[in-house]
């Protein structure tokens, strides 16, 4: 990516936990009582920010640019993991590292090529960091 290029945390689609089940409804109620119910996700949309998002999907047309698509999804996932750390810290006052968090899954779709990205936390040389792993689904299989 060019040095001065600004990447926004954009996702075309996101998966969330909806309050249709009692267990999820109870979780949303508990988060609201704890004072975190107004902002649960990494988005600023008035409805979506009140949902727990766990996966994202970024779609571009065939000439859309795989690197830009990945950069946008990576930024969105990193914001989601940081948001998860903040929610955990509010519940226990402990400082969580990225390796304590569950992995996040996302997809990039460029034309007919689908890429699955799994991001998880790790520690290298005592530093907290995010690691990604990918798999490619060839367009012939889609």
C-alpha atoms as a PDB file:
ATOM      1  CA  UNK A   1       0.000   0.000   0.000  1.00  0.00           C
ATOM      2  CA  UNK A   2       1.267   3.543  -0.661  1.00  0.00           C
ATOM      3  CA  UNK A   3       2.819   5.155   2.422  1.00  0.00           C
ATOM      4  CA  UNK A   4       0.213   7.910   2.836  1.00  0.00           C
ATOM      5  CA  UNK A   5      -2.801   5.745   1.946  1.00  0.00           C
ATOM      6  CA  UNK A   6      -5.468   5.809   4.647  1.00  0.00           C
ATOM      7  CA  UNK A   7      -7.161   2.480   5.265  1.00  0.00           C
ATOM      8  CA  UNK A   8     -10.619   2.579   6.782  1.00  0.00           C
ATOM      9  CA  UNK A   9     -12.048  -0.287   8.805  1.00  0.00           C
ATOM     10  CA  UNK A  10     -14.679  -1.164   6.263  1.00  0.00           C
ATOM     11  CA  UNK A  11     -16.585  -4.400   5.898  1.00  0.00           C
ATOM     12  CA  UNK A  12     -19.379  -5.093   3.448  1.00  0.00           C
ATOM     13  CA  UNK A  13     -21.030  -7.761   5.589  1.00  0.00           C
ATOM     14  CA  UNK A  14     -20.637  -8.797   9.206  1.00  0.00           C
ATOM     15  CA  UNK A  15     -21.971 -11.664  11.275  1.00  0.00           C
ATOM     16  CA  UNK A  16     -23.308 -11.016  14.733  1.00  0.00           C
ATOM     17  CA  UNK A  17     -25.061 -12.658  17.633  1.00  0.00           C
ATOM     18  CA  UNK A  18     -28.725 -11.657  17.484  1.00  0.00           C
ATOM     19  CA  UNK A  19     -30.941 -11.616  20.549  1.00  0.00           C
ATOM     20  CA  UNK A  20     -33.462 -14.145  19.169  1.00  0.00           C
ATOM     21  CA  UNK A  21     -32.268 -16.796  21.637  1.00  0.00           C
ATOM     22  CA  UNK A  22     -32.641 -16.453  25.388  1.00  0.00           C
ATOM     23  CA  UNK A  23     -28.930 -17.000  26.056  1.00  0.00           C
ATOM     24  CA  UNK A  24     -27.857 -14.196  23.714  1.00  0.00           C
ATOM     25  CA  UNK A  25     -30.675 -11.939  24.918  1.00  0.00           C
ATOM     26  CA  UNK A  26     -29.483 -12.432  28.508  1.00  0.00           C
ATOM     27  CA  UNK A  27     -25.923 -11.582  27.458  1.00  0.00           C
ATOM     28  CA  UNK A  28     -27.035  -8.343  25.777  1.00  0.00           C
ATOM     29  CA  UNK A  29     -29.081  -7.453  28.892  1.00  0.00           C
ATOM     30  CA  UNK A  30     -26.046  -8.048  31.132  1.00  0.00           C
ATOM     31  CA  UNK A  31     -23.841  -5.904  28.887  1.00  0.00           C
ATOM     32  CA  UNK A  32     -26.426  -3.120  28.942  1.00  0.00           C
ATOM     33  CA  UNK A  33     -26.611  -3.277  32.760  1.00  0.00           C
ATOM     34  CA  UNK A  34     -22.812  -3.077  32.881  1.00  0.00           C
ATOM     35  CA  UNK A  35     -22.937   0.123  30.844  1.00  0.00           C
ATOM     36  CA  UNK A  36     -21.437  -1.289  27.643  1.00  0.00           C
ATOM     37  CA  UNK A  37     -24.627  -1.989  25.694  1.00  0.00           C
ATOM     38  CA  UNK A  38     -24.451   1.182  23.597  1.00  0.00           C
ATOM     39  CA  UNK A  39     -21.131   0.323  21.947  1.00  0.00           C
ATOM     40  CA  UNK A  40     -20.334  -3.371  21.538  1.00  0.00           C
ATOM     41  CA  UNK A  41     -18.728  -3.510  18.108  1.00  0.00           C
ATOM     42  CA  UNK A  42     -16.026  -1.724  16.177  1.00  0.00           C
ATOM     43  CA  UNK A  43     -18.555   0.073  13.960  1.00  0.00           C
ATOM     44  CA  UNK A  44     -20.130   3.497  14.258  1.00  0.00           C
ATOM     45  CA  UNK A  45     -23.470   2.572  12.669  1.00  0.00           C
ATOM     46  CA  UNK A  46     -26.278   3.334  15.141  1.00  0.00           C
ATOM     47  CA  UNK A  47     -27.711  -0.201  14.989  1.00  0.00           C
ATOM     48  CA  UNK A  48     -24.658  -2.340  14.279  1.00  0.00           C
ATOM     49  CA  UNK A  49     -22.552  -0.812  17.055  1.00  0.00           C
ATOM     50  CA  UNK A  50     -25.006  -2.393  19.539  1.00  0.00           C
ATOM     51  CA  UNK A  51     -24.288  -5.921  18.222  1.00  0.00           C
ATOM     52  CA  UNK A  52     -21.452  -8.326  19.013  1.00  0.00           C
ATOM     53  CA  UNK A  53     -19.760  -8.828  15.646  1.00  0.00           C
ATOM     54  CA  UNK A  54     -17.563 -11.874  15.174  1.00  0.00           C
ATOM     55  CA  UNK A  55     -16.745 -12.150  11.465  1.00  0.00           C
ATOM     56  CA  UNK A  56     -16.488  -9.810   8.523  1.00  0.00           C
ATOM     57  CA  UNK A  57     -16.665 -10.114   4.777  1.00  0.00           C
ATOM     58  CA  UNK A  58     -15.074  -7.600   2.374  1.00  0.00           C
ATOM     59  CA  UNK A  59     -16.062  -7.826  -1.307  1.00  0.00           C
ATOM     60  CA  UNK A  60     -14.411  -6.179  -4.331  1.00  0.00           C
ATOM     61  CA  UNK A  61     -14.981  -6.543  -8.057  1.00  0.00           C
ATOM     62  CA  UNK A  62     -12.467  -8.564 -10.066  1.00  0.00           C
ATOM     63  CA  UNK A  63     -10.126  -5.603 -10.632  1.00  0.00           C
ATOM     64  CA  UNK A  64     -10.686  -4.292  -7.089  1.00  0.00           C
ATOM     65  CA  UNK A  65      -7.280  -5.014  -5.627  1.00  0.00           C
ATOM     66  CA  UNK A  66      -6.548  -7.904  -3.291  1.00  0.00           C
ATOM     67  CA  UNK A  67      -4.072  -5.902  -1.147  1.00  0.00           C
ATOM     68  CA  UNK A  68      -6.490  -3.037  -0.457  1.00  0.00           C
ATOM     69  CA  UNK A  69      -9.275  -5.487   0.347  1.00  0.00           C
ATOM     70  CA  UNK A  70      -7.063  -7.375   2.784  1.00  0.00           C
ATOM     71  CA  UNK A  71      -5.853  -4.138   4.405  1.00  0.00           C
ATOM     72  CA  UNK A  72      -9.452  -3.020   4.986  1.00  0.00           C
ATOM     73  CA  UNK A  73     -10.462  -6.380   6.469  1.00  0.00           C
ATOM     74  CA  UNK A  74      -7.307  -6.577   8.611  1.00  0.00           C
ATOM     75  CA  UNK A  75      -7.998  -3.129  10.042  1.00  0.00           C
ATOM     76  CA  UNK A  76     -11.609  -4.115  10.772  1.00  0.00           C
ATOM     77  CA  UNK A  77     -10.527  -7.366  12.482  1.00  0.00           C
ATOM     78  CA  UNK A  78      -7.831  -5.622  14.542  1.00  0.00           C
ATOM     79  CA  UNK A  79     -10.416  -3.056  15.690  1.00  0.00           C
ATOM     80  CA  UNK A  80     -12.758  -5.912  16.627  1.00  0.00           C
ATOM     81  CA  UNK A  81     -10.073  -7.670  18.669  1.00  0.00           C
ATOM     82  CA  UNK A  82      -9.162  -4.434  20.433  1.00  0.00           C
ATOM     83  CA  UNK A  83     -12.846  -3.857  21.178  1.00  0.00           C
ATOM     84  CA  UNK A  84     -13.042  -7.380  22.664  1.00  0.00           C
ATOM     85  CA  UNK A  85     -10.064  -6.578  24.896  1.00  0.00           C
ATOM     86  CA  UNK A  86     -11.808  -3.420  26.114  1.00  0.00           C
ATOM     87  CA  UNK A  87     -15.013  -5.318  26.905  1.00  0.00           C
ATOM     88  CA  UNK A  88     -13.067  -7.961  28.837  1.00  0.00           C
ATOM     89  CA  UNK A  89     -11.156  -5.293  30.754  1.00  0.00           C
ATOM     90  CA  UNK A  90     -14.434  -3.653  31.826  1.00  0.00           C
ATOM     91  CA  UNK A  91     -15.681  -6.951  33.219  1.00  0.00           C
ATOM     92  CA  UNK A  92     -12.615  -7.939  35.236  1.00  0.00           C
ATOM     93  CA  UNK A  93     -10.187  -4.988  35.287  1.00  0.00           C
ATOM     94  CA  UNK A  94      -7.438  -7.358  34.088  1.00  0.00           C
ATOM     95  CA  UNK A  95      -5.289  -6.488  31.113  1.00  0.00           C
ATOM     96  CA  UNK A  96      -5.744  -9.117  28.424  1.00  0.00           C
ATOM     97  CA  UNK A  97      -3.209  -9.763  25.710  1.00  0.00           C
ATOM     98  CA  UNK A  98      -4.259 -10.634  22.183  1.00  0.00           C
ATOM     99  CA  UNK A  99      -3.276 -14.267  22.777  1.00  0.00           C
ATOM    100  CA  UNK A 100      -6.009 -14.481  25.462  1.00  0.00           C
ATOM    101  CA  UNK A 101      -8.710 -13.675  22.890  1.00  0.00           C
ATOM    102  CA  UNK A 102     -10.560 -16.139  20.685  1.00  0.00           C
ATOM    103  CA  UNK A 103      -9.531 -16.027  17.014  1.00  0.00           C
ATOM    104  CA  UNK A 104     -11.517 -13.908  14.570  1.00  0.00           C
ATOM    105  CA  UNK A 105     -12.448 -15.084  11.095  1.00  0.00           C
ATOM    106  CA  UNK A 106     -12.969 -12.922   8.035  1.00  0.00           C
ATOM    107  CA  UNK A 107     -13.229 -13.301   4.297  1.00  0.00           C
ATOM    108  CA  UNK A 108     -12.104 -11.268   1.345  1.00  0.00           C
ATOM    109  CA  UNK A 109     -13.726 -11.805  -2.018  1.00  0.00           C
ATOM    110  CA  UNK A 110     -12.051 -10.337  -5.099  1.00  0.00           C
ATOM    111  CA  UNK A 111     -13.966 -11.209  -8.225  1.00  0.00           C
ATOM    112  CA  UNK A 112     -14.615 -14.938  -7.915  1.00  0.00           C
ATOM    113  CA  UNK A 113     -11.671 -15.647  -5.593  1.00  0.00           C
ATOM    114  CA  UNK A 114     -12.517 -16.185  -1.931  1.00  0.00           C
ATOM    115  CA  UNK A 115      -9.910 -15.968   0.822  1.00  0.00           C
ATOM    116  CA  UNK A 116     -10.549 -17.067   4.407  1.00  0.00           C
ATOM    117  CA  UNK A 117      -8.497 -15.233   7.036  1.00  0.00           C
ATOM    118  CA  UNK A 118      -8.094 -16.434  10.622  1.00  0.00           C
ATOM    119  CA  UNK A 119      -6.519 -13.897  12.968  1.00  0.00           C
ATOM    120  CA  UNK A 120      -5.302 -14.789  16.442  1.00  0.00           C
ATOM    121  CA  UNK A 121      -3.089 -13.289  19.090  1.00  0.00           C
ATOM    122  CA  UNK A 122       0.454 -14.390  19.815  1.00  0.00           C
ATOM    123  CA  UNK A 123       3.528 -13.236  21.675  1.00  0.00           C
ATOM    124  CA  UNK A 124       6.878 -12.918  19.949  1.00  0.00           C
ATOM    125  CA  UNK A 125       9.957 -11.790  21.862  1.00  0.00           C
ATOM    126  CA  UNK A 126       7.685 -10.616  24.687  1.00  0.00           C
ATOM    127  CA  UNK A 127       5.564  -8.420  22.397  1.00  0.00           C
ATOM    128  CA  UNK A 128       1.832  -8.830  21.935  1.00  0.00           C
ATOM    129  CA  UNK A 129       0.856  -9.099  18.259  1.00  0.00           C
ATOM    130  CA  UNK A 130      -1.763 -10.363  15.826  1.00  0.00           C
ATOM    131  CA  UNK A 131      -1.048 -13.214  13.428  1.00  0.00           C
ATOM    132  CA  UNK A 132      -3.091 -14.066  10.359  1.00  0.00           C
ATOM    133  CA  UNK A 133      -3.379 -17.254   8.394  1.00  0.00           C
ATOM    134  CA  UNK A 134      -5.181 -17.593   5.104  1.00  0.00           C
ATOM    135  CA  UNK A 135      -6.569 -20.138   2.724  1.00  0.00           C
ATOM    136  CA  UNK A 136      -7.617 -19.540  -0.856  1.00  0.00           C
ATOM    137  CA  UNK A 137     -10.661 -21.085  -2.495  1.00  0.00           C
ATOM    138  CA  UNK A 138     -10.007 -21.178  -6.256  1.00  0.00           C
ATOM    139  CA  UNK A 139     -12.716 -19.663  -8.423  1.00  0.00           C
ATOM    140  CA  UNK A 140     -13.293 -23.040 -10.119  1.00  0.00           C
ATOM    141  CA  UNK A 141     -14.710 -24.364  -6.827  1.00  0.00           C
ATOM    142  CA  UNK A 142     -17.068 -21.446  -6.154  1.00  0.00           C
END
